Each structure stands twice: as C-alpha cells, then as structure tokens.
N, C-alpha and C. Protein backbone atom coordinates (compact mmCIF):
# COMPACT_ATOMS: atom_id res chain seq x y z
N MET A 1 91.14 114.48 71.23
CA MET A 1 92.01 113.51 71.87
C MET A 1 91.53 113.28 73.31
N LYS A 2 91.35 111.96 73.65
CA LYS A 2 90.89 111.65 75.03
C LYS A 2 92.06 111.81 76.03
N THR A 3 91.71 112.48 77.15
CA THR A 3 92.79 112.63 78.17
C THR A 3 92.77 111.38 79.12
N LYS A 4 94.01 111.08 79.60
CA LYS A 4 94.13 109.94 80.49
C LYS A 4 93.61 110.40 81.92
N PRO A 5 92.98 109.47 82.69
CA PRO A 5 92.61 109.74 84.01
C PRO A 5 93.92 110.12 84.84
N ARG A 6 93.75 111.17 85.69
CA ARG A 6 94.94 111.62 86.39
C ARG A 6 94.78 111.39 87.91
N PHE A 7 95.74 110.75 88.51
CA PHE A 7 95.64 110.34 89.94
C PHE A 7 96.83 110.98 90.70
N LEU A 8 96.41 111.56 91.83
CA LEU A 8 97.42 112.00 92.80
C LEU A 8 97.81 110.82 93.62
N CYS A 9 99.13 110.56 93.73
CA CYS A 9 99.65 109.28 94.36
C CYS A 9 100.21 109.58 95.68
N LEU A 10 99.66 108.88 96.77
CA LEU A 10 100.09 109.16 98.14
C LEU A 10 100.80 107.85 98.63
N HIS A 11 102.01 107.99 98.83
CA HIS A 11 102.87 106.83 99.36
C HIS A 11 102.48 106.32 100.70
N GLY A 12 103.05 105.26 101.09
CA GLY A 12 102.75 104.66 102.45
C GLY A 12 103.60 105.31 103.51
N MET A 13 103.41 104.79 104.69
CA MET A 13 104.12 105.21 105.91
C MET A 13 105.60 105.08 105.77
N ARG A 14 106.37 106.09 106.17
CA ARG A 14 107.84 106.06 106.14
C ARG A 14 108.48 105.64 104.80
N THR A 15 107.89 106.24 103.77
CA THR A 15 108.48 106.06 102.42
C THR A 15 108.54 107.45 101.78
N SER A 16 108.39 107.44 100.46
CA SER A 16 108.48 108.71 99.74
C SER A 16 107.80 108.62 98.36
N ALA A 17 107.59 109.75 97.73
CA ALA A 17 107.04 109.74 96.44
C ALA A 17 107.97 109.00 95.49
N LYS A 18 109.29 109.17 95.59
CA LYS A 18 110.21 108.43 94.73
C LYS A 18 110.15 106.95 94.91
N ILE A 19 110.06 106.48 96.19
CA ILE A 19 109.95 105.02 96.44
C ILE A 19 108.60 104.44 95.86
N PHE A 20 107.48 105.17 96.13
CA PHE A 20 106.18 104.66 95.57
C PHE A 20 106.23 104.59 94.11
N LYS A 21 106.74 105.63 93.48
CA LYS A 21 106.88 105.59 91.97
C LYS A 21 107.67 104.44 91.42
N GLU A 22 108.88 104.25 92.15
CA GLU A 22 109.67 103.14 91.64
C GLU A 22 108.97 101.80 91.78
N GLN A 23 108.28 101.65 92.90
CA GLN A 23 107.57 100.38 93.08
C GLN A 23 106.45 100.14 92.12
N ILE A 24 105.68 101.25 91.81
CA ILE A 24 104.60 101.12 90.78
C ILE A 24 105.15 100.83 89.41
N PHE A 25 106.17 101.57 89.02
CA PHE A 25 106.68 101.44 87.60
C PHE A 25 107.44 100.10 87.50
N LYS A 26 107.93 99.55 88.62
CA LYS A 26 108.62 98.21 88.46
C LYS A 26 107.61 96.98 88.44
N ARG A 27 106.43 97.29 89.02
CA ARG A 27 105.51 96.15 89.12
C ARG A 27 104.29 96.19 88.30
N TRP A 28 103.98 97.30 87.66
CA TRP A 28 102.82 97.44 86.80
C TRP A 28 103.27 97.52 85.34
N PRO A 29 102.52 96.84 84.43
CA PRO A 29 102.97 96.83 83.04
C PRO A 29 102.70 98.13 82.35
N ASP A 30 103.40 98.38 81.25
CA ASP A 30 103.22 99.55 80.43
C ASP A 30 101.81 99.72 79.96
N SER A 31 101.11 98.53 79.67
CA SER A 31 99.77 98.61 79.15
C SER A 31 98.75 99.32 80.15
N ILE A 32 99.10 99.28 81.36
CA ILE A 32 98.36 100.01 82.41
C ILE A 32 98.90 101.46 82.51
N LEU A 33 100.19 101.54 82.73
CA LEU A 33 100.84 102.82 83.01
C LEU A 33 100.64 103.90 81.91
N GLU A 34 100.62 103.38 80.67
CA GLU A 34 100.45 104.39 79.51
C GLU A 34 99.05 104.87 79.37
N ASN A 35 98.08 104.30 80.19
CA ASN A 35 96.66 104.72 80.15
C ASN A 35 96.21 105.58 81.32
N ILE A 36 97.18 105.87 82.24
CA ILE A 36 96.83 106.75 83.38
C ILE A 36 97.96 107.68 83.62
N ASP A 37 97.65 108.84 84.20
CA ASP A 37 98.61 109.88 84.50
C ASP A 37 98.80 109.84 86.04
N LEU A 38 99.95 109.53 86.48
CA LEU A 38 100.21 109.40 87.93
C LEU A 38 101.17 110.49 88.40
N VAL A 39 100.75 111.29 89.39
CA VAL A 39 101.44 112.36 89.93
C VAL A 39 101.77 111.99 91.38
N PHE A 40 103.06 111.85 91.73
CA PHE A 40 103.51 111.39 93.05
C PHE A 40 103.99 112.61 93.82
N ILE A 41 103.55 112.72 95.11
CA ILE A 41 103.97 113.81 95.96
C ILE A 41 104.50 113.19 97.31
N ASP A 42 105.42 113.83 97.96
CA ASP A 42 105.92 113.43 99.23
C ASP A 42 104.98 113.92 100.35
N ALA A 43 104.77 113.24 101.40
CA ALA A 43 104.03 113.61 102.51
C ALA A 43 104.67 114.82 103.20
N PRO A 44 103.91 115.60 103.99
CA PRO A 44 104.45 116.87 104.53
C PRO A 44 105.32 116.71 105.76
N PHE A 45 105.34 115.55 106.35
CA PHE A 45 106.10 115.35 107.64
C PHE A 45 107.25 114.42 107.46
N PRO A 46 108.49 114.83 107.70
CA PRO A 46 109.68 113.89 107.73
C PRO A 46 109.39 112.83 108.77
N SER A 47 109.78 111.54 108.48
CA SER A 47 109.57 110.46 109.42
C SER A 47 110.52 110.73 110.62
N LEU A 48 110.08 110.37 111.81
CA LEU A 48 110.90 110.54 112.96
C LEU A 48 111.85 109.41 113.08
N ASP A 49 113.06 109.69 113.61
CA ASP A 49 114.13 108.67 113.71
C ASP A 49 113.76 107.60 114.75
N ASP A 50 112.93 107.90 115.73
CA ASP A 50 112.60 106.90 116.69
C ASP A 50 111.26 106.21 116.39
N LYS A 51 110.92 106.20 115.10
CA LYS A 51 109.66 105.42 114.72
C LYS A 51 109.70 103.96 115.07
N PRO A 52 108.68 103.49 115.71
CA PRO A 52 108.67 102.08 116.10
C PRO A 52 108.80 101.16 114.91
N THR A 53 109.40 99.99 115.15
CA THR A 53 109.41 98.91 114.07
C THR A 53 108.03 98.28 114.10
N ILE A 54 107.51 98.01 112.94
CA ILE A 54 106.15 97.45 112.89
C ILE A 54 106.21 95.98 112.66
N ARG A 55 105.68 95.20 113.50
CA ARG A 55 105.71 93.75 113.34
C ARG A 55 105.06 93.33 111.99
N GLY A 56 105.75 92.43 111.26
CA GLY A 56 105.19 91.89 110.08
C GLY A 56 105.63 92.67 108.85
N PHE A 57 106.36 93.74 108.98
CA PHE A 57 106.78 94.53 107.84
C PHE A 57 108.27 94.65 107.66
N VAL A 58 108.82 94.48 106.47
CA VAL A 58 110.19 94.68 106.24
C VAL A 58 110.51 96.18 106.38
N GLY A 59 111.59 96.47 107.07
CA GLY A 59 112.01 97.95 107.16
C GLY A 59 112.27 98.52 105.79
N ILE A 60 111.62 99.63 105.45
CA ILE A 60 111.84 100.21 104.17
C ILE A 60 113.29 100.63 104.02
N ASP A 61 113.97 100.96 105.17
CA ASP A 61 115.30 101.41 105.07
C ASP A 61 116.27 100.28 104.69
N ASP A 62 115.78 98.99 104.74
CA ASP A 62 116.54 97.86 104.20
C ASP A 62 116.52 97.85 102.73
N LEU A 63 115.51 98.46 102.13
CA LEU A 63 115.29 98.39 100.66
C LEU A 63 115.56 99.62 99.86
N PHE A 64 115.32 100.80 100.53
CA PHE A 64 115.49 102.09 99.86
C PHE A 64 116.20 103.14 100.79
N ASP A 65 116.85 104.04 100.06
CA ASP A 65 117.53 105.06 100.82
C ASP A 65 116.62 106.14 101.21
N PRO A 66 116.94 106.97 102.35
CA PRO A 66 116.06 108.09 102.72
C PRO A 66 116.22 109.22 101.63
N PRO A 67 115.39 110.29 101.87
CA PRO A 67 114.54 110.56 102.93
C PRO A 67 113.22 109.82 102.97
N TYR A 68 112.60 109.74 104.14
CA TYR A 68 111.32 109.11 104.32
C TYR A 68 110.33 110.15 104.94
N TYR A 69 109.05 109.95 104.58
CA TYR A 69 108.04 110.88 105.05
C TYR A 69 106.78 110.15 105.56
N ASP A 70 106.00 110.88 106.42
CA ASP A 70 104.69 110.37 106.89
C ASP A 70 103.65 111.44 106.56
N TRP A 71 102.44 110.91 106.38
CA TRP A 71 101.31 111.78 106.21
C TRP A 71 100.83 112.31 107.53
N PHE A 72 100.96 111.56 108.51
CA PHE A 72 100.50 111.93 109.91
C PHE A 72 101.27 111.02 110.86
N GLN A 73 101.26 111.37 112.11
CA GLN A 73 102.04 110.61 113.11
C GLN A 73 101.11 109.86 114.04
N PHE A 74 101.62 108.84 114.63
CA PHE A 74 100.80 108.00 115.55
C PHE A 74 101.70 107.45 116.64
N ASP A 75 101.05 106.91 117.70
CA ASP A 75 101.84 106.30 118.76
C ASP A 75 102.18 104.90 118.49
N GLN A 76 102.89 104.18 119.39
CA GLN A 76 103.32 102.84 119.12
C GLN A 76 102.19 101.86 118.91
N GLU A 77 101.07 102.09 119.51
CA GLU A 77 99.91 101.17 119.45
C GLU A 77 99.00 101.52 118.43
N PHE A 78 99.29 102.57 117.65
CA PHE A 78 98.44 103.07 116.52
C PHE A 78 97.04 103.48 116.99
N MET A 79 97.02 103.96 118.25
CA MET A 79 95.66 104.34 118.81
C MET A 79 95.53 105.92 118.90
N GLU A 80 96.62 106.65 118.81
CA GLU A 80 96.56 108.13 118.85
C GLU A 80 97.22 108.63 117.60
N TYR A 81 96.57 109.52 116.91
CA TYR A 81 97.10 110.09 115.60
C TYR A 81 97.12 111.59 115.79
N LYS A 82 98.08 112.23 115.07
CA LYS A 82 98.07 113.74 115.09
C LYS A 82 98.44 114.23 113.71
N ASN A 83 98.14 115.42 113.43
CA ASN A 83 98.39 116.16 112.15
C ASN A 83 97.59 115.68 110.98
N LEU A 84 96.56 114.96 111.15
CA LEU A 84 95.76 114.43 110.06
C LEU A 84 95.01 115.66 109.33
N ASP A 85 94.46 116.55 110.07
CA ASP A 85 93.78 117.75 109.45
C ASP A 85 94.79 118.60 108.67
N GLU A 86 96.04 118.85 109.28
CA GLU A 86 96.98 119.52 108.49
C GLU A 86 97.43 118.78 107.21
N CYS A 87 97.47 117.54 107.30
CA CYS A 87 97.82 116.74 106.15
C CYS A 87 96.77 116.85 104.94
N ILE A 88 95.46 116.80 105.39
CA ILE A 88 94.36 116.96 104.37
C ILE A 88 94.42 118.34 103.77
N ASP A 89 94.70 119.37 104.52
CA ASP A 89 94.87 120.73 103.98
C ASP A 89 96.07 120.77 102.98
N TYR A 90 97.12 119.99 103.32
CA TYR A 90 98.34 120.00 102.48
C TYR A 90 97.95 119.33 101.14
N ILE A 91 97.24 118.22 101.17
CA ILE A 91 96.87 117.59 99.95
C ILE A 91 96.00 118.40 99.05
N GLN A 92 95.01 119.09 99.71
CA GLN A 92 94.10 119.98 98.99
C GLN A 92 94.87 121.07 98.28
N ASP A 93 95.80 121.55 99.04
CA ASP A 93 96.70 122.62 98.45
C ASP A 93 97.54 122.12 97.29
N CYS A 94 98.06 120.87 97.39
CA CYS A 94 98.79 120.32 96.26
C CYS A 94 97.91 120.13 95.07
N MET A 95 96.65 119.69 95.32
CA MET A 95 95.70 119.45 94.21
C MET A 95 95.38 120.77 93.51
N LEU A 96 95.32 121.84 94.23
CA LEU A 96 95.05 123.18 93.62
C LEU A 96 96.23 123.57 92.76
N LYS A 97 97.46 123.44 93.32
CA LYS A 97 98.74 123.86 92.63
C LYS A 97 99.04 123.01 91.48
N LEU A 98 98.76 121.70 91.54
CA LEU A 98 99.14 120.78 90.39
C LEU A 98 98.09 120.58 89.42
N GLY A 99 96.93 121.16 89.60
CA GLY A 99 95.93 120.96 88.54
C GLY A 99 94.87 119.94 88.93
N HIS A 100 94.02 119.63 87.96
CA HIS A 100 92.87 118.73 88.07
C HIS A 100 93.36 117.36 88.28
N PHE A 101 92.62 116.60 89.19
CA PHE A 101 92.80 115.19 89.44
C PHE A 101 91.46 114.48 89.38
N ASP A 102 91.46 113.34 88.76
CA ASP A 102 90.28 112.43 88.77
C ASP A 102 90.21 111.57 89.97
N GLY A 103 91.29 111.38 90.63
CA GLY A 103 91.24 110.56 91.85
C GLY A 103 92.53 110.53 92.61
N LEU A 104 92.50 109.67 93.68
CA LEU A 104 93.67 109.52 94.51
C LEU A 104 94.05 108.04 94.49
N MET A 105 95.34 107.79 94.47
CA MET A 105 95.82 106.38 94.63
C MET A 105 96.72 106.39 95.93
N GLY A 106 96.39 105.49 96.88
CA GLY A 106 97.19 105.56 98.07
C GLY A 106 97.57 104.12 98.53
N PHE A 107 98.77 104.00 99.09
CA PHE A 107 99.25 102.78 99.62
C PHE A 107 99.27 102.87 101.18
N SER A 108 98.62 101.91 101.77
CA SER A 108 98.68 101.86 103.27
C SER A 108 98.34 103.12 103.93
N GLN A 109 99.28 103.88 104.60
CA GLN A 109 98.94 105.08 105.28
C GLN A 109 98.43 106.14 104.37
N GLY A 110 98.79 106.13 103.10
CA GLY A 110 98.29 107.11 102.16
C GLY A 110 96.80 106.96 101.81
N LEU A 111 96.35 105.68 101.99
CA LEU A 111 94.95 105.36 101.72
C LEU A 111 94.00 106.12 102.68
N ALA A 112 94.45 106.44 103.88
CA ALA A 112 93.66 107.07 104.92
C ALA A 112 93.12 108.40 104.52
N LEU A 113 93.75 108.94 103.48
CA LEU A 113 93.45 110.29 103.13
C LEU A 113 92.42 110.41 101.98
N ASN A 114 91.69 109.32 101.76
CA ASN A 114 90.71 109.36 100.61
C ASN A 114 89.51 110.22 100.94
N LYS A 115 89.49 110.87 102.08
CA LYS A 115 88.35 111.75 102.51
C LYS A 115 88.64 113.14 101.97
N VAL A 116 89.55 113.33 101.18
CA VAL A 116 89.79 114.70 100.59
C VAL A 116 88.62 114.95 99.67
N PRO A 117 87.95 116.14 99.86
CA PRO A 117 86.70 116.49 98.96
C PRO A 117 87.05 116.50 97.56
N GLN A 118 85.98 116.37 96.78
CA GLN A 118 85.98 116.44 95.29
C GLN A 118 86.77 115.31 94.62
N ILE A 119 86.89 114.14 95.36
CA ILE A 119 87.54 113.03 94.69
C ILE A 119 86.41 112.08 94.20
N ARG A 120 86.47 111.68 92.93
CA ARG A 120 85.45 110.79 92.38
C ARG A 120 85.94 109.33 92.30
N ASN A 121 87.24 109.05 92.38
CA ASN A 121 87.80 107.80 92.25
C ASN A 121 88.95 107.58 93.25
N VAL A 122 89.10 106.34 93.77
CA VAL A 122 90.27 106.02 94.59
C VAL A 122 90.73 104.69 94.26
N MET A 123 92.09 104.47 94.27
CA MET A 123 92.76 103.16 94.17
C MET A 123 93.45 102.99 95.50
N ILE A 124 93.07 101.95 96.18
CA ILE A 124 93.64 101.68 97.55
C ILE A 124 94.43 100.38 97.57
N ILE A 125 95.73 100.49 97.87
CA ILE A 125 96.56 99.33 97.86
C ILE A 125 96.98 99.07 99.30
N GLY A 126 96.65 97.85 99.75
CA GLY A 126 97.00 97.49 101.18
C GLY A 126 96.34 98.39 102.23
N GLY A 127 95.13 98.86 101.98
CA GLY A 127 94.45 99.72 102.86
C GLY A 127 93.81 99.00 103.99
N ALA A 128 93.54 99.72 105.06
CA ALA A 128 92.92 99.10 106.28
C ALA A 128 92.22 100.28 107.07
N THR A 129 91.34 99.87 107.94
CA THR A 129 90.67 100.86 108.79
C THR A 129 91.64 101.23 109.89
N PHE A 130 91.41 102.41 110.53
CA PHE A 130 92.25 102.80 111.65
C PHE A 130 91.91 101.98 112.88
N LEU A 131 92.97 101.76 113.65
CA LEU A 131 92.69 101.07 114.99
C LEU A 131 92.07 101.98 116.05
N CYS A 132 92.43 103.23 115.97
CA CYS A 132 91.87 104.23 116.86
C CYS A 132 90.40 104.48 116.54
N PRO A 133 89.48 104.23 117.45
CA PRO A 133 88.02 104.43 117.12
C PRO A 133 87.68 105.89 116.72
N VAL A 134 88.25 106.82 117.32
CA VAL A 134 87.98 108.21 117.03
C VAL A 134 88.40 108.50 115.58
N MET A 135 89.61 108.09 115.17
CA MET A 135 90.06 108.32 113.80
C MET A 135 89.25 107.51 112.77
N ALA A 136 88.92 106.24 113.16
CA ALA A 136 88.15 105.41 112.27
C ALA A 136 86.85 106.03 111.94
N GLU A 137 86.12 106.61 113.00
CA GLU A 137 84.84 107.26 112.81
C GLU A 137 84.99 108.51 111.97
N LYS A 138 86.05 109.26 112.17
CA LYS A 138 86.31 110.52 111.44
C LYS A 138 86.54 110.18 110.00
N ALA A 139 87.41 109.10 109.73
CA ALA A 139 87.71 108.87 108.31
C ALA A 139 86.56 108.17 107.64
N HIS A 140 85.82 107.31 108.30
CA HIS A 140 84.74 106.53 107.65
C HIS A 140 83.56 106.54 108.62
N PRO A 141 82.72 107.60 108.69
CA PRO A 141 81.62 107.68 109.57
C PRO A 141 80.65 106.55 109.33
N PRO A 142 80.17 105.95 110.48
CA PRO A 142 79.23 104.87 110.32
C PRO A 142 77.95 105.36 109.65
N GLY A 143 77.45 104.54 108.78
CA GLY A 143 76.17 104.90 108.00
C GLY A 143 76.40 105.89 106.95
N ASN A 144 77.65 106.35 106.71
CA ASN A 144 77.90 107.37 105.69
C ASN A 144 78.93 106.72 104.67
N LYS A 145 78.53 105.88 103.81
CA LYS A 145 79.41 105.22 102.90
C LYS A 145 79.89 106.23 101.86
N ASN A 146 81.11 105.99 101.43
CA ASN A 146 81.85 106.75 100.35
C ASN A 146 81.27 106.27 99.02
N SER A 147 80.73 107.20 98.25
CA SER A 147 80.12 106.89 96.96
C SER A 147 81.11 106.94 95.79
N CYS A 148 82.34 107.37 96.00
CA CYS A 148 83.24 107.41 94.88
C CYS A 148 83.54 106.02 94.40
N LYS A 149 83.98 105.90 93.18
CA LYS A 149 84.41 104.59 92.62
C LYS A 149 85.68 104.18 93.34
N SER A 150 85.74 102.92 93.74
CA SER A 150 86.93 102.47 94.50
C SER A 150 87.39 101.15 93.93
N LEU A 151 88.76 101.13 93.84
CA LEU A 151 89.46 99.88 93.48
C LEU A 151 90.40 99.55 94.57
N HIS A 152 90.27 98.35 95.20
CA HIS A 152 91.00 97.92 96.32
C HIS A 152 91.88 96.74 96.04
N PHE A 153 93.18 96.79 96.26
CA PHE A 153 94.11 95.64 96.10
C PHE A 153 94.37 95.15 97.52
N LEU A 154 93.99 93.80 97.75
CA LEU A 154 94.17 93.16 99.05
C LEU A 154 95.02 91.92 98.90
N GLY A 155 96.10 91.94 99.69
CA GLY A 155 96.97 90.78 99.72
C GLY A 155 96.50 89.69 100.65
N GLU A 156 96.61 88.47 100.13
CA GLU A 156 96.09 87.25 100.89
C GLU A 156 96.83 87.11 102.20
N THR A 157 98.09 87.41 102.23
CA THR A 157 98.97 87.27 103.45
C THR A 157 99.26 88.55 104.08
N ASP A 158 98.52 89.62 103.76
CA ASP A 158 98.77 90.94 104.35
C ASP A 158 98.38 90.90 105.87
N ILE A 159 99.25 91.42 106.71
CA ILE A 159 99.06 91.42 108.06
C ILE A 159 97.79 92.37 108.46
N LEU A 160 97.47 93.22 107.47
CA LEU A 160 96.27 94.10 107.65
C LEU A 160 95.01 93.63 106.89
N LYS A 161 95.06 92.40 106.40
CA LYS A 161 93.94 91.93 105.52
C LYS A 161 92.58 92.03 106.23
N GLU A 162 92.49 91.67 107.46
CA GLU A 162 91.12 91.70 108.10
C GLU A 162 90.63 93.10 108.15
N ARG A 163 91.48 94.03 108.55
CA ARG A 163 91.10 95.50 108.50
C ARG A 163 90.85 96.04 107.18
N GLY A 164 91.53 95.43 106.20
CA GLY A 164 91.25 95.80 104.78
C GLY A 164 89.98 95.36 104.27
N MET A 165 89.48 94.26 104.76
CA MET A 165 88.13 93.78 104.40
C MET A 165 87.08 94.55 105.07
N LYS A 166 87.41 95.07 106.31
CA LYS A 166 86.49 95.93 106.98
C LYS A 166 86.33 97.27 106.33
N LEU A 167 87.48 97.72 105.75
CA LEU A 167 87.43 99.05 105.03
C LEU A 167 86.42 98.97 103.86
N LEU A 168 86.25 97.86 103.20
CA LEU A 168 85.36 97.77 102.07
C LEU A 168 83.97 98.16 102.44
N GLU A 169 83.58 97.99 103.66
CA GLU A 169 82.22 98.33 104.14
C GLU A 169 82.06 99.87 104.14
N SER A 170 83.06 100.62 104.02
CA SER A 170 82.97 102.07 103.95
C SER A 170 82.67 102.62 102.57
N PHE A 171 82.61 101.78 101.57
CA PHE A 171 82.27 102.20 100.23
C PHE A 171 80.98 101.59 99.69
N VAL A 172 80.32 102.32 98.81
CA VAL A 172 79.03 101.92 98.32
C VAL A 172 79.22 100.61 97.47
N ASN A 173 80.12 100.65 96.55
CA ASN A 173 80.33 99.52 95.59
C ASN A 173 81.73 99.30 95.30
N PRO A 174 82.53 98.75 96.32
CA PRO A 174 84.01 98.56 96.09
C PRO A 174 84.27 97.42 95.11
N TYR A 175 85.26 97.67 94.31
CA TYR A 175 85.83 96.64 93.36
C TYR A 175 87.06 96.18 93.99
N VAL A 176 87.21 94.87 94.11
CA VAL A 176 88.36 94.26 94.88
C VAL A 176 89.18 93.40 93.97
N ILE A 177 90.55 93.54 93.99
CA ILE A 177 91.41 92.60 93.33
C ILE A 177 92.27 92.00 94.42
N HIS A 178 92.28 90.70 94.54
CA HIS A 178 93.07 89.97 95.56
C HIS A 178 94.32 89.49 94.90
N HIS A 179 95.42 89.57 95.56
CA HIS A 179 96.72 89.10 95.16
C HIS A 179 97.32 88.18 96.24
N PRO A 180 98.23 87.28 95.77
CA PRO A 180 98.69 86.21 96.73
C PRO A 180 99.80 86.67 97.76
N ARG A 181 100.18 87.91 97.70
CA ARG A 181 101.28 88.43 98.56
C ARG A 181 100.74 89.09 99.75
N GLY A 182 101.67 89.78 100.42
CA GLY A 182 101.38 90.51 101.70
C GLY A 182 101.09 91.98 101.56
N HIS A 183 101.63 92.74 102.51
CA HIS A 183 101.42 94.18 102.54
C HIS A 183 102.41 94.81 101.58
N THR A 184 102.05 94.77 100.28
CA THR A 184 102.97 95.20 99.25
C THR A 184 102.19 95.73 98.04
N ILE A 185 102.85 96.41 97.17
CA ILE A 185 102.20 96.77 95.85
C ILE A 185 102.25 95.55 94.98
N PRO A 186 101.10 95.07 94.46
CA PRO A 186 101.07 93.83 93.74
C PRO A 186 101.69 94.00 92.29
N ARG A 187 102.17 92.93 91.77
CA ARG A 187 102.59 93.00 90.43
C ARG A 187 101.40 92.75 89.53
N LEU A 188 101.08 93.63 88.64
CA LEU A 188 100.01 93.53 87.73
C LEU A 188 100.52 92.96 86.43
N GLY A 189 99.61 92.41 85.62
CA GLY A 189 99.98 91.86 84.31
C GLY A 189 100.12 90.31 84.33
N LYS A 190 99.97 89.76 85.53
CA LYS A 190 99.96 88.28 85.62
C LYS A 190 98.63 87.82 86.10
N PRO A 191 97.66 87.64 85.15
CA PRO A 191 96.26 87.30 85.60
C PRO A 191 96.15 86.09 86.49
N THR A 192 97.06 85.19 86.42
CA THR A 192 96.94 83.96 87.27
C THR A 192 97.24 84.33 88.65
N GLU A 193 97.82 85.46 88.98
CA GLU A 193 98.12 85.85 90.35
C GLU A 193 97.02 86.75 90.98
N LEU A 194 96.11 87.19 90.14
CA LEU A 194 95.06 88.11 90.65
C LEU A 194 93.70 87.45 90.63
N LEU A 195 92.99 87.78 91.58
CA LEU A 195 91.62 87.20 91.78
C LEU A 195 90.63 88.37 91.97
N MET A 196 89.70 88.51 91.10
CA MET A 196 88.77 89.67 91.07
C MET A 196 87.46 89.21 91.70
C-alpha cells in the first residue's frame, strides 16, 4: 500500500495550528486532502498582546478566537527578528517526536522556516522574503539556492506579492500557482481561479 506524503504544517503569524487546519480543510477539496497527510503544530511562542496591527491584513482576532502563536518575534518595521534559532530547534524536535515527514507546508510567517534540514519538499502559501537584510541572507543565502521541490501559492492582490516573487529566486525550480485573492489561503478545486 502506497503511503501518502506527510507534511508538517506551520501556521502564519499570530494564528494557531487549529486556525490553519480549519482554513485548509474549508478551502481545499477532499480530492487533495485525502491524498496527503497534514500534521498541524502550534508555534512555540504565544503572541504578544501589544503586537502591531499590520497594514493590509484583516486582524485574525476578528475571525478566530485565541490562543494565537508566533514562530519568532519582530519589531514594528519587521527589520529585527528574535528567537528564530530557538524556533528551528523546536521544529526539528517536533519532527523527531512526531515521526517522518516528507516536507513542510507554511503560510506567511511559517514559510520562513523552510530551512529546517532534511526537508525535500515545501508548500509555501503567501510567502515572502524577509525585510531585514541579515535575516534574508540567513534564510536564503545569495548564490545558495534551495534544491528541494517547492510549490508556491501567490495571490495577485497580496500585499507581499513583490517579495513573494523575489522568494522564488531562492529555489532551483519553483512551481507557482497564482490565485486572484490576497494574503490568504487559496480555495483549491476551482481551476478557473488558479493560474499555473
């Protein structure tokens, strides 16, 4: 019996495993979901109450109840980050405890963690390069493209679209699916809405 590919799922900034799972299962058809094994985990750091509002994004607290988590923290200008190394250690520990994974699936902030070793596949939804040059170079060193198989979902009206296109340069052979919406998890199963 063939086993389904297994992905560790990393939610976006100031959300949770529960929220990410609900969004995916609401927007992706059973024909896709029954062919992959998705394991959702919460980020290690509770979101701070004084987190800045991000221009162009609907507040998640308007749509979903807490608790909310972050993979790492950053300042208001997104130029200084902290706890990224601790976060990568946390993900590696989860991968050891939860068993074998064929890849990572990340939304927005969760995408930044695709540098976890031993990953052969990534699915990146609404991903973008870091604004902070030091973090950008650490996550995606110049001249050192990521050779894992990558599938990128980019929204035509995503506030991060330009940086999402820049992120594609970090991969050897990225496969891209464009959707007509913004910084969100796309609805799959409607081919007229997707452009490959």
